[in-house]
Structures are given as C-alpha cells and as structure tokens.
Amino acid sequence: MLEKLKRIDLKNALGASIRVSLQTKIASTDNGMAVFFDSLFFNDECELIYFISKGEYCGSCQVLPQEFEKFKAVAKAQNLIN
C-alpha cells in the first residue's frame, strides 16, 4: 500500500500544507517554497524532514508528529531515506 503512493500531503503546527510528490520528487508549500530532492533525512527529535539533492541540503520542513511518522513510513517503503 505505502509503495504505491505518488503524493503525500502534510501539515505543520501552523496549519500550512506541504505537498510532496514522490513521483517527480518535488516538495512544495502554500507559501511558495519548492525544492527538488533525491533523498530525505528525518530528525526524529523534532519532526524535521530534510530534503537532499545530489548530496546537498536543499530544504526542510517541520510537521506534526503523526504526519512525520506517516511520511517516514512512506519514504522508507520507497527507499528515499538518506
């Protein structure tokens, strides 16, 4: 089930939406941030998701704990974790 997802919508504590396309590997937000990524890094202590492109940091976002765990499971199923 998790490996078939192509897009996931996340929320942060302020209610902002973060859309992550697992097909095109683009993350974008309502306020205009958009990044391309090759892989992801997860900071479990503060629910931060780091977007990595060609081995370099290119963006990050903090999401709600339940959103964090859901997305981490999806990323793991699709071998996107750095």
C-alpha atoms as a PDB file:
ATOM      1  CA  MET A   1       0.000   0.000   0.000  1.00  0.00           C
ATOM      2  CA  LEU A   2       2.654   2.552   1.030  1.00  0.00           C
ATOM      3  CA  GLU A   3       4.832   1.934  -2.001  1.00  0.00           C
ATOM      4  CA  LYS A   4       2.004   2.908  -4.390  1.00  0.00           C
ATOM      5  CA  LEU A   5       1.592   6.465  -3.091  1.00  0.00           C
ATOM      6  CA  LYS A   6       2.640   9.144  -5.562  1.00  0.00           C
ATOM      7  CA  ARG A   7       1.894  12.224  -3.470  1.00  0.00           C
ATOM      8  CA  ILE A   8       1.506  12.906   0.203  1.00  0.00           C
ATOM      9  CA  ASP A   9       0.059  15.996   1.872  1.00  0.00           C
ATOM     10  CA  LEU A  10       1.497  17.007   5.241  1.00  0.00           C
ATOM     11  CA  LYS A  11       0.560  19.716   7.759  1.00  0.00           C
ATOM     12  CA  ASN A  12       2.647  21.682  10.230  1.00  0.00           C
ATOM     13  CA  ALA A  13       1.628  23.139  13.600  1.00  0.00           C
ATOM     14  CA  LEU A  14       0.542  26.406  11.958  1.00  0.00           C
ATOM     15  CA  GLY A  15      -1.813  24.613   9.588  1.00  0.00           C
ATOM     16  CA  ALA A  16       0.297  25.163   6.460  1.00  0.00           C
ATOM     17  CA  SER A  17       0.244  22.420   3.838  1.00  0.00           C
ATOM     18  CA  ILE A  18       3.355  20.742   2.475  1.00  0.00           C
ATOM     19  CA  ARG A  19       2.853  18.638  -0.654  1.00  0.00           C
ATOM     20  CA  VAL A  20       5.471  16.060  -1.545  1.00  0.00           C
ATOM     21  CA  SER A  21       5.336  14.347  -4.923  1.00  0.00           C
ATOM     22  CA  LEU A  22       7.123  11.023  -4.720  1.00  0.00           C
ATOM     23  CA  GLN A  23       6.838  10.624  -8.482  1.00  0.00           C
ATOM     24  CA  THR A  24       8.539  13.896  -9.507  1.00  0.00           C
ATOM     25  CA  LYS A  25      10.476  14.294  -6.221  1.00  0.00           C
ATOM     26  CA  ILE A  26       9.309  17.867  -5.679  1.00  0.00           C
ATOM     27  CA  ALA A  27       8.209  19.281  -2.322  1.00  0.00           C
ATOM     28  CA  SER A  28       6.169  22.485  -2.229  1.00  0.00           C
ATOM     29  CA  THR A  29       4.280  24.603   0.282  1.00  0.00           C
ATOM     30  CA  ASP A  30       1.409  27.068   0.232  1.00  0.00           C
ATOM     31  CA  ASN A  31       3.802  29.972   0.745  1.00  0.00           C
ATOM     32  CA  GLY A  32       5.865  29.204  -2.343  1.00  0.00           C
ATOM     33  CA  MET A  33       8.768  27.004  -1.244  1.00  0.00           C
ATOM     34  CA  ALA A  34       9.564  24.335  -3.803  1.00  0.00           C
ATOM     35  CA  VAL A  35      12.558  22.012  -3.920  1.00  0.00           C
ATOM     36  CA  PHE A  36      13.692  19.060  -5.978  1.00  0.00           C
ATOM     37  CA  PHE A  37      15.122  16.187  -3.948  1.00  0.00           C
ATOM     38  CA  ASP A  38      16.828  12.841  -4.431  1.00  0.00           C
ATOM     39  CA  SER A  39      16.536  11.583  -0.870  1.00  0.00           C
ATOM     40  CA  LEU A  40      15.264  12.504   2.575  1.00  0.00           C
ATOM     41  CA  PHE A  41      16.705  12.702   6.066  1.00  0.00           C
ATOM     42  CA  PHE A  42      14.483  12.561   9.154  1.00  0.00           C
ATOM     43  CA  ASN A  43      15.272  14.175  12.521  1.00  0.00           C
ATOM     44  CA  ASP A  44      13.152  12.185  14.967  1.00  0.00           C
ATOM     45  CA  GLU A  45      13.722  14.537  17.904  1.00  0.00           C
ATOM     46  CA  CYS A  46      11.822  17.492  16.429  1.00  0.00           C
ATOM     47  CA  GLU A  47       9.864  16.087  13.450  1.00  0.00           C
ATOM     48  CA  LEU A  48      12.070  17.755  10.839  1.00  0.00           C
ATOM     49  CA  ILE A  49      12.260  16.444   7.294  1.00  0.00           C
ATOM     50  CA  TYR A  50      15.343  17.441   5.303  1.00  0.00           C
ATOM     51  CA  PHE A  51      15.272  17.328   1.510  1.00  0.00           C
ATOM     52  CA  ILE A  52      18.590  16.282  -0.060  1.00  0.00           C
ATOM     53  CA  SER A  53      19.589  16.806  -3.709  1.00  0.00           C
ATOM     54  CA  LYS A  54      22.887  15.492  -5.093  1.00  0.00           C
ATOM     55  CA  GLY A  55      24.162  15.019  -1.553  1.00  0.00           C
ATOM     56  CA  GLU A  56      23.433  18.622  -0.528  1.00  0.00           C
ATOM     57  CA  TYR A  57      20.773  20.054   1.755  1.00  0.00           C
ATOM     58  CA  CYS A  58      18.154  21.927  -0.286  1.00  0.00           C
ATOM     59  CA  GLY A  59      15.262  22.487   2.135  1.00  0.00           C
ATOM     60  CA  SER A  60      13.445  21.291   5.216  1.00  0.00           C
ATOM     61  CA  CYS A  61      10.115  21.438   6.964  1.00  0.00           C
ATOM     62  CA  GLN A  62       8.743  20.603  10.370  1.00  0.00           C
ATOM     63  CA  VAL A  63       5.465  18.706  10.501  1.00  0.00           C
ATOM     64  CA  LEU A  64       3.035  17.378  13.092  1.00  0.00           C
ATOM     65  CA  PRO A  65       4.229  14.189  14.854  1.00  0.00           C
ATOM     66  CA  GLN A  66       1.524  11.972  13.319  1.00  0.00           C
ATOM     67  CA  GLU A  67       2.286  13.382   9.843  1.00  0.00           C
ATOM     68  CA  PHE A  68       6.010  12.808  10.416  1.00  0.00           C
ATOM     69  CA  GLU A  69       5.575   9.118  11.247  1.00  0.00           C
ATOM     70  CA  LYS A  70       3.214   8.566   8.299  1.00  0.00           C
ATOM     71  CA  PHE A  71       5.612  10.188   5.823  1.00  0.00           C
ATOM     72  CA  LYS A  72       8.647   8.422   7.263  1.00  0.00           C
ATOM     73  CA  ALA A  73       6.948   5.052   6.685  1.00  0.00           C
ATOM     74  CA  VAL A  74       6.152   6.013   3.070  1.00  0.00           C
ATOM     75  CA  ALA A  75       9.716   7.240   2.431  1.00  0.00           C
ATOM     76  CA  LYS A  76      11.169   4.055   3.913  1.00  0.00           C
ATOM     77  CA  ALA A  77       8.924   1.889   1.721  1.00  0.00           C
ATOM     78  CA  GLN A  78      10.154   3.767  -1.362  1.00  0.00           C
ATOM     79  CA  ASN A  79      13.854   3.742  -0.370  1.00  0.00           C
ATOM     80  CA  LEU A  80      14.086   7.542  -0.160  1.00  0.00           C
ATOM     81  CA  ILE A  81      15.750   7.779   3.249  1.00  0.00           C
ATOM     82  CA  ASN A  82      19.339   9.037   3.163  1.00  0.00           C
END
